[in-house]
Amino acid sequence: MKTRERKQEDLNALTEQLNNSKSAMIVSFSKLTVTKDQDFRNQLRSAGANYKVVKNTLARIAVKGTPYEGATDYLKGVTGIAWTDNDAVVLSKTVSKFIKDNGDIYKFKAGIVEGRVVDLTQVTAIANLPSKEELISKLMFVINAQAQRIVTVINAVPRNLAVVVKLIGEGKTDVPTEQKAETQEEAKVAEAPEVEQSGEQEVSPEATPEIAE
């Protein structure tokens, strides 16, 4: 049996952990096996989350004055709390999928995301959002794609002009048709501006290369 001092230590630890977290999921379970419990814990750990089965009296005191106080009414019966200070989307994905696959054992009680109490429908909606890592990956792809396009615009036309200049320097003013076609095609792909000869060189606004945002 835990001493009063040990219970106070547990309370202080749980309060601090919840205060430092960004989201939490409250679940209950029945007919739980050691294997299934370990499986759930392992998946939560992989998602960067903590998990603990708590006594409701202790949990009610721990959440008092924290962003999780709104979930006090759900701290009844058997209670397990999973929480994280990382991406709430990853925790939502992990919990919602595991409960869906193990609905005969685990039941969802409530979620708390950025101080708001959410139900299973809302948690599922959050789980369908891209995670922070996925968003960063997509952003990097866009940045790299635009960078590559800029390089193409800069390099494609000068490369072909160099060929033309070389031919002219060799006295071959009649540029081969295939060379003209290649130059025109790469210039078109690169969306290079057209230059009009009218005393001064002006770049047509319609021909200005556009770089997708």
N, C-alpha and C. Protein backbone atom coordinates (compact mmCIF):
# COMPACT_ATOMS: atom_id res chain seq x y z
N MET A 1 0.84 -1.20 0.00
CA MET A 1 0.00 0.00 0.00
C MET A 1 0.88 1.25 0.00
N LYS A 2 0.53 2.23 -0.88
CA LYS A 2 1.34 3.43 -0.99
C LYS A 2 1.18 4.32 0.22
N THR A 3 2.27 4.92 0.62
CA THR A 3 2.23 5.85 1.74
C THR A 3 1.65 7.18 1.26
N ARG A 4 1.31 8.03 2.19
CA ARG A 4 0.76 9.34 1.85
C ARG A 4 1.77 10.16 1.07
N GLU A 5 3.03 10.04 1.44
CA GLU A 5 4.08 10.78 0.75
C GLU A 5 4.22 10.31 -0.70
N ARG A 6 4.12 9.00 -0.90
CA ARG A 6 4.25 8.45 -2.25
C ARG A 6 3.07 8.88 -3.12
N LYS A 7 1.88 8.89 -2.53
CA LYS A 7 0.71 9.35 -3.28
C LYS A 7 0.86 10.81 -3.70
N GLN A 8 1.42 11.62 -2.81
CA GLN A 8 1.63 13.03 -3.12
C GLN A 8 2.66 13.19 -4.23
N GLU A 9 3.68 12.35 -4.22
CA GLU A 9 4.69 12.39 -5.28
C GLU A 9 4.07 12.03 -6.62
N ASP A 10 3.21 11.01 -6.63
CA ASP A 10 2.52 10.60 -7.86
C ASP A 10 1.64 11.73 -8.37
N LEU A 11 0.94 12.38 -7.45
CA LEU A 11 0.07 13.49 -7.82
C LEU A 11 0.87 14.63 -8.43
N ASN A 12 1.97 14.99 -7.79
CA ASN A 12 2.80 16.08 -8.29
C ASN A 12 3.38 15.77 -9.66
N ALA A 13 3.80 14.52 -9.83
CA ALA A 13 4.38 14.11 -11.11
C ALA A 13 3.34 14.17 -12.23
N LEU A 14 2.13 13.66 -11.96
CA LEU A 14 1.08 13.65 -12.98
C LEU A 14 0.66 15.08 -13.33
N THR A 15 0.53 15.92 -12.32
CA THR A 15 0.15 17.32 -12.55
C THR A 15 1.18 18.03 -13.42
N GLU A 16 2.44 17.82 -13.13
CA GLU A 16 3.51 18.46 -13.90
C GLU A 16 3.53 17.96 -15.34
N GLN A 17 3.38 16.66 -15.51
CA GLN A 17 3.40 16.08 -16.85
C GLN A 17 2.24 16.60 -17.70
N LEU A 18 1.07 16.69 -17.13
CA LEU A 18 -0.08 17.19 -17.87
C LEU A 18 0.07 18.67 -18.19
N ASN A 19 0.61 19.43 -17.25
CA ASN A 19 0.81 20.86 -17.48
C ASN A 19 1.80 21.12 -18.61
N ASN A 20 2.74 20.22 -18.80
CA ASN A 20 3.75 20.38 -19.84
C ASN A 20 3.34 19.76 -21.17
N SER A 21 2.16 19.18 -21.23
CA SER A 21 1.71 18.53 -22.47
C SER A 21 0.78 19.44 -23.26
N LYS A 22 0.58 19.10 -24.53
CA LYS A 22 -0.27 19.89 -25.41
C LYS A 22 -1.62 19.23 -25.67
N SER A 23 -1.68 17.92 -25.54
CA SER A 23 -2.93 17.21 -25.80
C SER A 23 -2.93 15.90 -25.04
N ALA A 24 -4.13 15.37 -24.82
CA ALA A 24 -4.26 14.11 -24.10
C ALA A 24 -5.52 13.38 -24.57
N MET A 25 -5.51 12.06 -24.44
CA MET A 25 -6.65 11.23 -24.77
C MET A 25 -6.98 10.36 -23.55
N ILE A 26 -8.26 10.34 -23.18
CA ILE A 26 -8.70 9.54 -22.04
C ILE A 26 -9.48 8.33 -22.56
N VAL A 27 -9.07 7.16 -22.13
CA VAL A 27 -9.70 5.92 -22.59
C VAL A 27 -10.07 5.05 -21.39
N SER A 28 -10.91 4.07 -21.67
CA SER A 28 -11.22 3.04 -20.67
C SER A 28 -11.05 1.69 -21.36
N PHE A 29 -11.03 0.63 -20.59
CA PHE A 29 -10.84 -0.70 -21.17
C PHE A 29 -11.45 -1.76 -20.29
N SER A 30 -11.67 -2.92 -20.89
CA SER A 30 -12.18 -4.08 -20.16
C SER A 30 -11.65 -5.34 -20.81
N LYS A 31 -11.54 -6.40 -20.04
CA LYS A 31 -11.01 -7.68 -20.54
C LYS A 31 -9.65 -7.48 -21.20
N LEU A 32 -8.84 -6.65 -20.57
CA LEU A 32 -7.54 -6.32 -21.13
C LEU A 32 -6.50 -7.39 -20.82
N THR A 33 -5.76 -7.81 -21.85
CA THR A 33 -4.67 -8.76 -21.66
C THR A 33 -3.35 -8.03 -21.56
N VAL A 34 -2.38 -8.68 -20.99
CA VAL A 34 -1.05 -8.08 -20.86
C VAL A 34 -0.48 -7.76 -22.24
N THR A 35 -0.68 -8.66 -23.18
CA THR A 35 -0.15 -8.46 -24.53
C THR A 35 -0.75 -7.24 -25.20
N LYS A 36 -2.08 -7.09 -25.08
CA LYS A 36 -2.74 -5.96 -25.73
C LYS A 36 -2.37 -4.65 -25.04
N ASP A 37 -2.24 -4.68 -23.74
CA ASP A 37 -1.82 -3.49 -23.00
C ASP A 37 -0.43 -3.05 -23.43
N GLN A 38 0.47 -4.01 -23.58
CA GLN A 38 1.84 -3.70 -23.98
C GLN A 38 1.87 -3.17 -25.42
N ASP A 39 1.02 -3.73 -26.26
CA ASP A 39 0.94 -3.29 -27.65
C ASP A 39 0.51 -1.83 -27.72
N PHE A 40 -0.49 -1.47 -26.94
CA PHE A 40 -0.98 -0.08 -26.91
C PHE A 40 0.11 0.87 -26.41
N ARG A 41 0.77 0.48 -25.34
CA ARG A 41 1.84 1.31 -24.79
C ARG A 41 2.98 1.50 -25.78
N ASN A 42 3.33 0.44 -26.49
CA ASN A 42 4.42 0.52 -27.46
C ASN A 42 4.08 1.49 -28.60
N GLN A 43 2.83 1.42 -29.07
CA GLN A 43 2.42 2.30 -30.16
C GLN A 43 2.40 3.75 -29.71
N LEU A 44 1.95 3.98 -28.49
CA LEU A 44 1.94 5.34 -27.96
C LEU A 44 3.36 5.86 -27.78
N ARG A 45 4.24 4.99 -27.33
CA ARG A 45 5.64 5.39 -27.15
C ARG A 45 6.26 5.76 -28.50
N SER A 46 5.93 5.00 -29.53
CA SER A 46 6.44 5.29 -30.87
C SER A 46 5.91 6.62 -31.38
N ALA A 47 4.72 7.02 -30.91
CA ALA A 47 4.13 8.29 -31.31
C ALA A 47 4.63 9.44 -30.45
N GLY A 48 5.55 9.15 -29.54
CA GLY A 48 6.10 10.19 -28.69
C GLY A 48 5.19 10.59 -27.55
N ALA A 49 4.30 9.65 -27.14
CA ALA A 49 3.33 9.95 -26.08
C ALA A 49 3.62 9.13 -24.83
N ASN A 50 3.09 9.60 -23.71
CA ASN A 50 3.16 8.88 -22.44
C ASN A 50 1.78 8.28 -22.15
N TYR A 51 1.77 7.25 -21.33
CA TYR A 51 0.50 6.61 -21.01
C TYR A 51 0.53 6.10 -19.58
N LYS A 52 -0.61 6.29 -18.90
CA LYS A 52 -0.68 5.83 -17.53
C LYS A 52 -2.12 5.52 -17.15
N VAL A 53 -2.31 4.40 -16.48
CA VAL A 53 -3.61 4.07 -15.90
C VAL A 53 -3.65 4.75 -14.54
N VAL A 54 -4.69 5.56 -14.31
CA VAL A 54 -4.72 6.39 -13.10
C VAL A 54 -5.99 6.13 -12.28
N LYS A 55 -5.89 6.48 -11.02
CA LYS A 55 -7.07 6.48 -10.16
C LYS A 55 -7.81 7.79 -10.38
N ASN A 56 -9.10 7.71 -10.50
CA ASN A 56 -9.88 8.89 -10.83
C ASN A 56 -9.76 10.00 -9.78
N THR A 57 -9.72 9.62 -8.51
CA THR A 57 -9.59 10.64 -7.46
C THR A 57 -8.28 11.42 -7.62
N LEU A 58 -7.21 10.68 -7.95
CA LEU A 58 -5.91 11.32 -8.16
C LEU A 58 -5.94 12.19 -9.42
N ALA A 59 -6.55 11.65 -10.49
CA ALA A 59 -6.58 12.37 -11.76
C ALA A 59 -7.40 13.66 -11.65
N ARG A 60 -8.51 13.62 -10.92
CA ARG A 60 -9.34 14.82 -10.77
C ARG A 60 -8.57 15.94 -10.07
N ILE A 61 -7.77 15.58 -9.10
CA ILE A 61 -6.96 16.58 -8.40
C ILE A 61 -5.85 17.08 -9.32
N ALA A 62 -5.26 16.16 -10.09
CA ALA A 62 -4.13 16.52 -10.96
C ALA A 62 -4.54 17.49 -12.07
N VAL A 63 -5.76 17.35 -12.60
CA VAL A 63 -6.17 18.20 -13.72
C VAL A 63 -6.73 19.54 -13.26
N LYS A 64 -6.96 19.69 -11.97
CA LYS A 64 -7.54 20.92 -11.47
C LYS A 64 -6.58 22.09 -11.72
N GLY A 65 -7.11 23.12 -12.35
CA GLY A 65 -6.29 24.29 -12.65
C GLY A 65 -5.42 24.13 -13.89
N THR A 66 -5.58 23.03 -14.62
CA THR A 66 -4.81 22.79 -15.85
C THR A 66 -5.76 22.87 -17.05
N PRO A 67 -5.23 22.86 -18.28
CA PRO A 67 -6.08 22.88 -19.46
C PRO A 67 -6.99 21.64 -19.57
N TYR A 68 -6.73 20.64 -18.73
CA TYR A 68 -7.50 19.40 -18.79
C TYR A 68 -8.65 19.34 -17.78
N GLU A 69 -8.86 20.42 -17.07
CA GLU A 69 -9.90 20.42 -16.04
C GLU A 69 -11.29 20.19 -16.65
N GLY A 70 -11.47 20.60 -17.89
CA GLY A 70 -12.76 20.42 -18.56
C GLY A 70 -13.14 18.96 -18.77
N ALA A 71 -12.16 18.06 -18.64
CA ALA A 71 -12.42 16.64 -18.84
C ALA A 71 -12.70 15.90 -17.54
N THR A 72 -12.89 16.64 -16.45
CA THR A 72 -13.09 16.03 -15.14
C THR A 72 -14.25 15.04 -15.12
N ASP A 73 -15.35 15.38 -15.81
CA ASP A 73 -16.54 14.52 -15.81
C ASP A 73 -16.28 13.16 -16.44
N TYR A 74 -15.21 13.05 -17.22
CA TYR A 74 -14.91 11.78 -17.90
C TYR A 74 -13.99 10.89 -17.06
N LEU A 75 -13.57 11.39 -15.93
CA LEU A 75 -12.67 10.61 -15.07
C LEU A 75 -13.50 9.74 -14.13
N LYS A 76 -14.11 8.73 -14.74
CA LYS A 76 -14.94 7.78 -14.01
C LYS A 76 -14.63 6.38 -14.52
N GLY A 77 -14.90 5.39 -13.67
CA GLY A 77 -14.64 4.01 -14.08
C GLY A 77 -13.15 3.77 -14.26
N VAL A 78 -12.83 2.82 -15.15
CA VAL A 78 -11.42 2.54 -15.45
C VAL A 78 -10.89 3.64 -16.36
N THR A 79 -9.76 4.21 -16.01
CA THR A 79 -9.25 5.36 -16.76
C THR A 79 -7.77 5.22 -17.10
N GLY A 80 -7.49 5.42 -18.38
CA GLY A 80 -6.11 5.49 -18.85
C GLY A 80 -5.93 6.80 -19.59
N ILE A 81 -4.84 7.47 -19.34
CA ILE A 81 -4.58 8.76 -19.99
C ILE A 81 -3.31 8.67 -20.82
N ALA A 82 -3.43 9.05 -22.09
CA ALA A 82 -2.27 9.17 -22.98
C ALA A 82 -2.07 10.65 -23.27
N TRP A 83 -0.87 11.15 -23.10
CA TRP A 83 -0.63 12.57 -23.33
C TRP A 83 0.70 12.78 -24.04
N THR A 84 0.83 13.94 -24.67
CA THR A 84 2.05 14.25 -25.42
C THR A 84 2.31 15.73 -25.44
N ASP A 85 3.58 16.10 -25.53
CA ASP A 85 3.95 17.49 -25.72
C ASP A 85 4.40 17.71 -27.16
N ASN A 86 4.15 16.69 -28.01
CA ASN A 86 4.49 16.78 -29.43
C ASN A 86 3.23 17.06 -30.25
N ASP A 87 3.25 16.65 -31.50
CA ASP A 87 2.16 16.90 -32.42
C ASP A 87 0.89 16.16 -31.99
N ALA A 88 -0.21 16.90 -31.79
CA ALA A 88 -1.48 16.30 -31.39
C ALA A 88 -2.05 15.39 -32.48
N VAL A 89 -1.71 15.68 -33.73
CA VAL A 89 -2.22 14.87 -34.84
C VAL A 89 -1.70 13.44 -34.74
N VAL A 90 -0.42 13.30 -34.41
CA VAL A 90 0.18 11.96 -34.31
C VAL A 90 -0.48 11.15 -33.20
N LEU A 91 -0.73 11.78 -32.05
CA LEU A 91 -1.40 11.09 -30.95
C LEU A 91 -2.82 10.71 -31.34
N SER A 92 -3.52 11.60 -32.01
CA SER A 92 -4.89 11.32 -32.45
C SER A 92 -4.94 10.15 -33.43
N LYS A 93 -3.99 10.11 -34.36
CA LYS A 93 -3.93 9.01 -35.32
C LYS A 93 -3.73 7.68 -34.59
N THR A 94 -2.80 7.67 -33.65
CA THR A 94 -2.46 6.44 -32.95
C THR A 94 -3.63 5.93 -32.12
N VAL A 95 -4.24 6.81 -31.33
CA VAL A 95 -5.33 6.40 -30.44
C VAL A 95 -6.57 5.99 -31.23
N SER A 96 -6.97 6.81 -32.20
CA SER A 96 -8.19 6.51 -32.96
C SER A 96 -8.07 5.20 -33.73
N LYS A 97 -6.90 4.94 -34.31
CA LYS A 97 -6.71 3.69 -35.07
C LYS A 97 -6.71 2.49 -34.13
N PHE A 98 -6.03 2.62 -32.99
CA PHE A 98 -5.94 1.48 -32.08
C PHE A 98 -7.32 1.14 -31.50
N ILE A 99 -8.08 2.15 -31.17
CA ILE A 99 -9.42 1.91 -30.62
C ILE A 99 -10.34 1.31 -31.69
N LYS A 100 -10.18 1.77 -32.93
CA LYS A 100 -10.97 1.21 -34.02
C LYS A 100 -10.66 -0.27 -34.23
N ASP A 101 -9.39 -0.63 -34.11
CA ASP A 101 -8.97 -2.02 -34.32
C ASP A 101 -9.22 -2.89 -33.09
N ASN A 102 -9.43 -2.26 -31.93
CA ASN A 102 -9.59 -3.03 -30.69
C ASN A 102 -10.80 -2.52 -29.89
N GLY A 103 -11.90 -2.30 -30.62
CA GLY A 103 -13.09 -1.76 -30.00
C GLY A 103 -13.74 -2.67 -28.97
N ASP A 104 -13.38 -3.94 -28.99
CA ASP A 104 -13.94 -4.87 -28.01
C ASP A 104 -13.23 -4.74 -26.65
N ILE A 105 -12.12 -4.04 -26.63
CA ILE A 105 -11.34 -3.88 -25.39
C ILE A 105 -11.30 -2.43 -24.94
N TYR A 106 -10.94 -1.53 -25.87
CA TYR A 106 -10.76 -0.12 -25.52
C TYR A 106 -11.95 0.74 -25.95
N LYS A 107 -12.30 1.68 -25.10
CA LYS A 107 -13.35 2.64 -25.41
C LYS A 107 -12.79 4.05 -25.22
N PHE A 108 -13.18 4.94 -26.12
CA PHE A 108 -12.72 6.33 -26.05
C PHE A 108 -13.64 7.12 -25.13
N LYS A 109 -13.06 7.89 -24.23
CA LYS A 109 -13.85 8.74 -23.34
C LYS A 109 -13.87 10.19 -23.82
N ALA A 110 -12.70 10.78 -23.89
CA ALA A 110 -12.61 12.19 -24.33
C ALA A 110 -11.18 12.52 -24.70
N GLY A 111 -11.05 13.56 -25.50
CA GLY A 111 -9.73 14.06 -25.85
C GLY A 111 -9.63 15.52 -25.45
N ILE A 112 -8.45 15.97 -25.19
CA ILE A 112 -8.21 17.38 -24.89
C ILE A 112 -7.09 17.85 -25.81
N VAL A 113 -7.43 18.77 -26.70
CA VAL A 113 -6.46 19.29 -27.66
C VAL A 113 -6.41 20.81 -27.52
N GLU A 114 -5.24 21.33 -27.18
CA GLU A 114 -5.04 22.77 -26.98
C GLU A 114 -6.10 23.34 -26.03
N GLY A 115 -6.39 22.60 -24.96
CA GLY A 115 -7.31 23.08 -23.94
C GLY A 115 -8.78 22.85 -24.22
N ARG A 116 -9.11 22.28 -25.36
CA ARG A 116 -10.51 22.02 -25.72
C ARG A 116 -10.83 20.54 -25.59
N VAL A 117 -11.99 20.25 -25.02
CA VAL A 117 -12.44 18.86 -24.91
C VAL A 117 -13.07 18.46 -26.25
N VAL A 118 -12.64 17.34 -26.82
CA VAL A 118 -13.15 16.88 -28.11
C VAL A 118 -13.65 15.45 -27.99
N ASP A 119 -14.62 15.10 -28.83
CA ASP A 119 -15.15 13.75 -28.83
C ASP A 119 -14.44 12.90 -29.88
N LEU A 120 -14.87 11.65 -30.02
CA LEU A 120 -14.18 10.73 -30.93
C LEU A 120 -14.29 11.19 -32.38
N THR A 121 -15.43 11.75 -32.76
CA THR A 121 -15.59 12.24 -34.13
C THR A 121 -14.59 13.33 -34.44
N GLN A 122 -14.40 14.23 -33.50
CA GLN A 122 -13.43 15.31 -33.70
C GLN A 122 -11.99 14.79 -33.69
N VAL A 123 -11.73 13.81 -32.84
CA VAL A 123 -10.39 13.22 -32.80
C VAL A 123 -10.09 12.53 -34.13
N THR A 124 -11.09 11.85 -34.68
CA THR A 124 -10.91 11.18 -35.98
C THR A 124 -10.63 12.21 -37.07
N ALA A 125 -11.33 13.35 -37.01
CA ALA A 125 -11.09 14.42 -37.99
C ALA A 125 -9.68 14.95 -37.86
N ILE A 126 -9.22 15.13 -36.63
CA ILE A 126 -7.85 15.59 -36.39
C ILE A 126 -6.85 14.56 -36.91
N ALA A 127 -7.17 13.28 -36.71
CA ALA A 127 -6.27 12.21 -37.15
C ALA A 127 -6.10 12.19 -38.66
N ASN A 128 -7.09 12.70 -39.39
CA ASN A 128 -7.01 12.72 -40.85
C ASN A 128 -6.20 13.89 -41.39
N LEU A 129 -5.80 14.79 -40.51
CA LEU A 129 -4.96 15.91 -40.93
C LEU A 129 -3.51 15.43 -41.11
N PRO A 130 -2.75 16.10 -41.96
CA PRO A 130 -1.33 15.74 -42.09
C PRO A 130 -0.58 16.15 -40.83
N SER A 131 0.38 15.33 -40.43
CA SER A 131 1.18 15.64 -39.25
C SER A 131 2.15 16.76 -39.57
N LYS A 132 2.80 17.28 -38.54
CA LYS A 132 3.78 18.35 -38.73
C LYS A 132 4.91 17.89 -39.65
N GLU A 133 5.34 16.64 -39.48
CA GLU A 133 6.42 16.12 -40.32
C GLU A 133 5.98 16.03 -41.79
N GLU A 134 4.71 15.63 -42.00
CA GLU A 134 4.20 15.54 -43.37
C GLU A 134 4.10 16.92 -44.01
N LEU A 135 3.67 17.91 -43.22
CA LEU A 135 3.58 19.27 -43.74
C LEU A 135 4.96 19.81 -44.11
N ILE A 136 5.95 19.55 -43.25
CA ILE A 136 7.31 20.00 -43.53
C ILE A 136 7.84 19.34 -44.80
N SER A 137 7.54 18.04 -44.96
CA SER A 137 7.98 17.31 -46.14
C SER A 137 7.38 17.90 -47.42
N LYS A 138 6.07 18.22 -47.36
CA LYS A 138 5.41 18.81 -48.53
C LYS A 138 5.97 20.20 -48.83
N LEU A 139 6.24 20.97 -47.78
CA LEU A 139 6.79 22.31 -47.96
C LEU A 139 8.17 22.24 -48.61
N MET A 140 8.99 21.30 -48.16
CA MET A 140 10.33 21.16 -48.73
C MET A 140 10.25 20.74 -50.20
N PHE A 141 9.27 19.90 -50.53
CA PHE A 141 9.09 19.47 -51.91
C PHE A 141 8.76 20.67 -52.79
N VAL A 142 7.85 21.53 -52.31
CA VAL A 142 7.46 22.72 -53.07
C VAL A 142 8.66 23.65 -53.24
N ILE A 143 9.40 23.87 -52.16
CA ILE A 143 10.56 24.75 -52.22
C ILE A 143 11.59 24.21 -53.21
N ASN A 144 11.87 22.91 -53.14
CA ASN A 144 12.85 22.30 -54.04
C ASN A 144 12.39 22.35 -55.49
N ALA A 145 11.07 22.14 -55.70
CA ALA A 145 10.53 22.16 -57.05
C ALA A 145 10.67 23.55 -57.66
N GLN A 146 10.37 24.58 -56.88
CA GLN A 146 10.49 25.94 -57.38
C GLN A 146 11.95 26.30 -57.63
N ALA A 147 12.82 25.84 -56.74
CA ALA A 147 14.25 26.10 -56.93
C ALA A 147 14.74 25.47 -58.23
N GLN A 148 14.29 24.26 -58.51
CA GLN A 148 14.70 23.58 -59.73
C GLN A 148 14.19 24.31 -60.96
N ARG A 149 12.96 24.84 -60.85
CA ARG A 149 12.40 25.56 -61.98
C ARG A 149 13.18 26.84 -62.25
N ILE A 150 13.58 27.52 -61.17
CA ILE A 150 14.36 28.74 -61.32
C ILE A 150 15.69 28.43 -62.02
N VAL A 151 16.33 27.35 -61.61
CA VAL A 151 17.60 26.95 -62.22
C VAL A 151 17.40 26.67 -63.71
N THR A 152 16.28 26.04 -64.06
CA THR A 152 15.99 25.75 -65.46
C THR A 152 15.84 27.03 -66.27
N VAL A 153 15.12 27.99 -65.71
CA VAL A 153 14.93 29.28 -66.39
C VAL A 153 16.26 29.97 -66.62
N ILE A 154 17.14 29.92 -65.62
CA ILE A 154 18.42 30.62 -65.70
C ILE A 154 19.37 29.93 -66.69
N ASN A 155 19.36 28.59 -66.67
CA ASN A 155 20.37 27.84 -67.42
C ASN A 155 19.99 27.47 -68.85
N ALA A 156 18.72 27.22 -69.11
CA ALA A 156 18.32 26.64 -70.39
C ALA A 156 18.67 27.53 -71.57
N VAL A 157 18.25 28.80 -71.55
CA VAL A 157 18.47 29.69 -72.69
C VAL A 157 19.94 30.06 -72.87
N PRO A 158 20.67 30.47 -71.84
CA PRO A 158 22.10 30.77 -72.03
C PRO A 158 22.86 29.61 -72.63
N ARG A 159 22.51 28.38 -72.28
CA ARG A 159 23.21 27.22 -72.82
C ARG A 159 23.05 27.17 -74.33
N ASN A 160 21.83 27.42 -74.83
CA ASN A 160 21.57 27.38 -76.27
C ASN A 160 22.14 28.60 -76.99
N LEU A 161 22.09 29.75 -76.32
CA LEU A 161 22.68 30.93 -76.92
C LEU A 161 24.18 30.75 -77.11
N ALA A 162 24.81 30.06 -76.17
CA ALA A 162 26.25 29.80 -76.29
C ALA A 162 26.54 28.99 -77.54
N VAL A 163 25.66 28.04 -77.84
CA VAL A 163 25.84 27.23 -79.06
C VAL A 163 25.72 28.10 -80.30
N VAL A 164 24.70 28.97 -80.31
CA VAL A 164 24.48 29.84 -81.46
C VAL A 164 25.67 30.78 -81.66
N VAL A 165 26.13 31.37 -80.56
CA VAL A 165 27.28 32.28 -80.63
C VAL A 165 28.50 31.56 -81.17
N LYS A 166 28.68 30.32 -80.76
CA LYS A 166 29.83 29.53 -81.23
C LYS A 166 29.74 29.32 -82.74
N LEU A 167 28.52 29.01 -83.22
CA LEU A 167 28.35 28.79 -84.66
C LEU A 167 28.61 30.06 -85.45
N ILE A 168 28.13 31.19 -84.90
CA ILE A 168 28.36 32.47 -85.58
C ILE A 168 29.85 32.78 -85.61
N GLY A 169 30.53 32.51 -84.51
CA GLY A 169 31.96 32.76 -84.45
C GLY A 169 32.73 31.93 -85.46
N GLU A 170 32.17 30.79 -85.79
CA GLU A 170 32.82 29.92 -86.78
C GLU A 170 32.40 30.28 -88.20
N GLY A 171 31.61 31.36 -88.33
CA GLY A 171 31.19 31.78 -89.65
C GLY A 171 29.96 31.05 -90.15
N LYS A 172 29.34 30.25 -89.30
CA LYS A 172 28.15 29.50 -89.70
C LYS A 172 26.91 30.29 -89.28
N THR A 173 26.61 31.32 -90.06
CA THR A 173 25.49 32.19 -89.69
C THR A 173 24.16 31.50 -89.90
N ASP A 174 24.16 30.48 -90.75
CA ASP A 174 22.91 29.74 -90.98
C ASP A 174 22.81 28.64 -89.93
N VAL A 175 22.16 28.94 -88.83
CA VAL A 175 22.04 27.96 -87.74
C VAL A 175 21.18 26.80 -88.18
N PRO A 176 21.62 25.55 -87.96
CA PRO A 176 20.84 24.38 -88.36
C PRO A 176 19.42 24.44 -87.79
N THR A 177 18.48 23.98 -88.61
CA THR A 177 17.07 24.01 -88.23
C THR A 177 16.82 23.29 -86.92
N GLU A 178 17.47 22.12 -86.75
CA GLU A 178 17.24 21.36 -85.54
C GLU A 178 17.76 22.10 -84.31
N GLN A 179 18.86 22.87 -84.52
CA GLN A 179 19.39 23.65 -83.40
C GLN A 179 18.44 24.77 -83.03
N LYS A 180 17.83 25.39 -84.06
CA LYS A 180 16.84 26.43 -83.79
C LYS A 180 15.65 25.88 -83.03
N ALA A 181 15.20 24.72 -83.49
CA ALA A 181 14.04 24.10 -82.86
C ALA A 181 14.33 23.77 -81.41
N GLU A 182 15.53 23.23 -81.16
CA GLU A 182 15.89 22.86 -79.79
C GLU A 182 15.97 24.10 -78.91
N THR A 183 16.56 25.17 -79.49
CA THR A 183 16.68 26.41 -78.72
C THR A 183 15.32 26.99 -78.39
N GLN A 184 14.43 26.99 -79.39
CA GLN A 184 13.10 27.53 -79.18
C GLN A 184 12.31 26.68 -78.17
N GLU A 185 12.45 25.37 -78.28
CA GLU A 185 11.71 24.47 -77.39
C GLU A 185 12.14 24.65 -75.95
N GLU A 186 13.47 24.71 -75.69
CA GLU A 186 13.94 24.86 -74.32
C GLU A 186 13.60 26.25 -73.79
N ALA A 187 13.62 27.23 -74.69
CA ALA A 187 13.24 28.57 -74.24
C ALA A 187 11.78 28.62 -73.85
N LYS A 188 10.96 27.87 -74.63
CA LYS A 188 9.53 27.81 -74.31
C LYS A 188 9.29 27.13 -72.99
N VAL A 189 9.98 26.00 -72.75
CA VAL A 189 9.83 25.26 -71.50
C VAL A 189 10.25 26.12 -70.32
N ALA A 190 11.33 26.85 -70.51
CA ALA A 190 11.85 27.69 -69.42
C ALA A 190 11.03 28.95 -69.24
N GLU A 191 10.08 29.18 -70.19
CA GLU A 191 9.24 30.37 -70.12
C GLU A 191 10.09 31.65 -70.14
N ALA A 192 11.09 31.66 -71.03
CA ALA A 192 11.96 32.82 -71.13
C ALA A 192 11.21 33.97 -71.78
N PRO A 193 11.46 35.22 -71.41
CA PRO A 193 10.77 36.37 -72.02
C PRO A 193 11.18 36.57 -73.46
N GLU A 194 10.22 37.03 -74.26
CA GLU A 194 10.51 37.35 -75.65
C GLU A 194 11.03 38.79 -75.72
N VAL A 195 11.96 39.05 -76.60
CA VAL A 195 12.57 40.37 -76.72
C VAL A 195 12.18 40.97 -78.05
N GLU A 196 11.60 42.13 -78.04
CA GLU A 196 11.22 42.81 -79.27
C GLU A 196 12.31 43.82 -79.64
N GLN A 197 12.64 43.88 -80.91
CA GLN A 197 13.65 44.80 -81.40
C GLN A 197 12.95 46.07 -81.89
N SER A 198 12.99 47.13 -81.15
CA SER A 198 12.35 48.38 -81.59
C SER A 198 13.17 49.56 -81.05
N GLY A 199 14.40 49.60 -81.43
CA GLY A 199 15.28 50.66 -80.93
C GLY A 199 15.85 50.28 -79.59
N GLU A 200 14.98 50.11 -78.60
CA GLU A 200 15.40 49.66 -77.28
C GLU A 200 14.78 48.30 -77.05
N GLN A 201 15.46 47.48 -76.28
CA GLN A 201 14.94 46.15 -75.97
C GLN A 201 13.97 46.25 -74.82
N GLU A 202 12.75 45.75 -75.02
CA GLU A 202 11.75 45.74 -73.97
C GLU A 202 11.25 44.32 -73.76
N VAL A 203 11.06 43.99 -72.53
CA VAL A 203 10.53 42.68 -72.21
C VAL A 203 9.02 42.77 -72.17
N SER A 204 8.35 41.96 -72.97
CA SER A 204 6.89 41.96 -72.98
C SER A 204 6.36 41.44 -71.66
N PRO A 205 5.41 42.13 -71.00
CA PRO A 205 4.86 41.68 -69.72
C PRO A 205 4.27 40.30 -69.80
N GLU A 206 3.64 40.02 -70.97
CA GLU A 206 3.02 38.70 -71.12
C GLU A 206 4.05 37.59 -71.15
N ALA A 207 5.29 37.94 -71.53
CA ALA A 207 6.31 36.90 -71.67
C ALA A 207 7.15 36.73 -70.43
N THR A 208 6.88 37.50 -69.37
CA THR A 208 7.65 37.38 -68.15
C THR A 208 7.44 36.03 -67.52
N PRO A 209 8.52 35.31 -67.16
CA PRO A 209 8.33 33.97 -66.56
C PRO A 209 7.56 34.06 -65.25
N GLU A 210 6.62 33.17 -65.07
CA GLU A 210 5.84 33.11 -63.83
C GLU A 210 6.30 31.94 -63.02
N ILE A 211 6.49 32.16 -61.74
CA ILE A 211 6.90 31.09 -60.84
C ILE A 211 5.76 30.85 -59.88
N ALA A 212 5.23 29.63 -59.92
CA ALA A 212 4.07 29.31 -59.07
C ALA A 212 4.39 29.54 -57.63
N GLU A 213 3.40 30.10 -56.90
CA GLU A 213 3.60 30.32 -55.47
C GLU A 213 3.33 29.04 -54.72
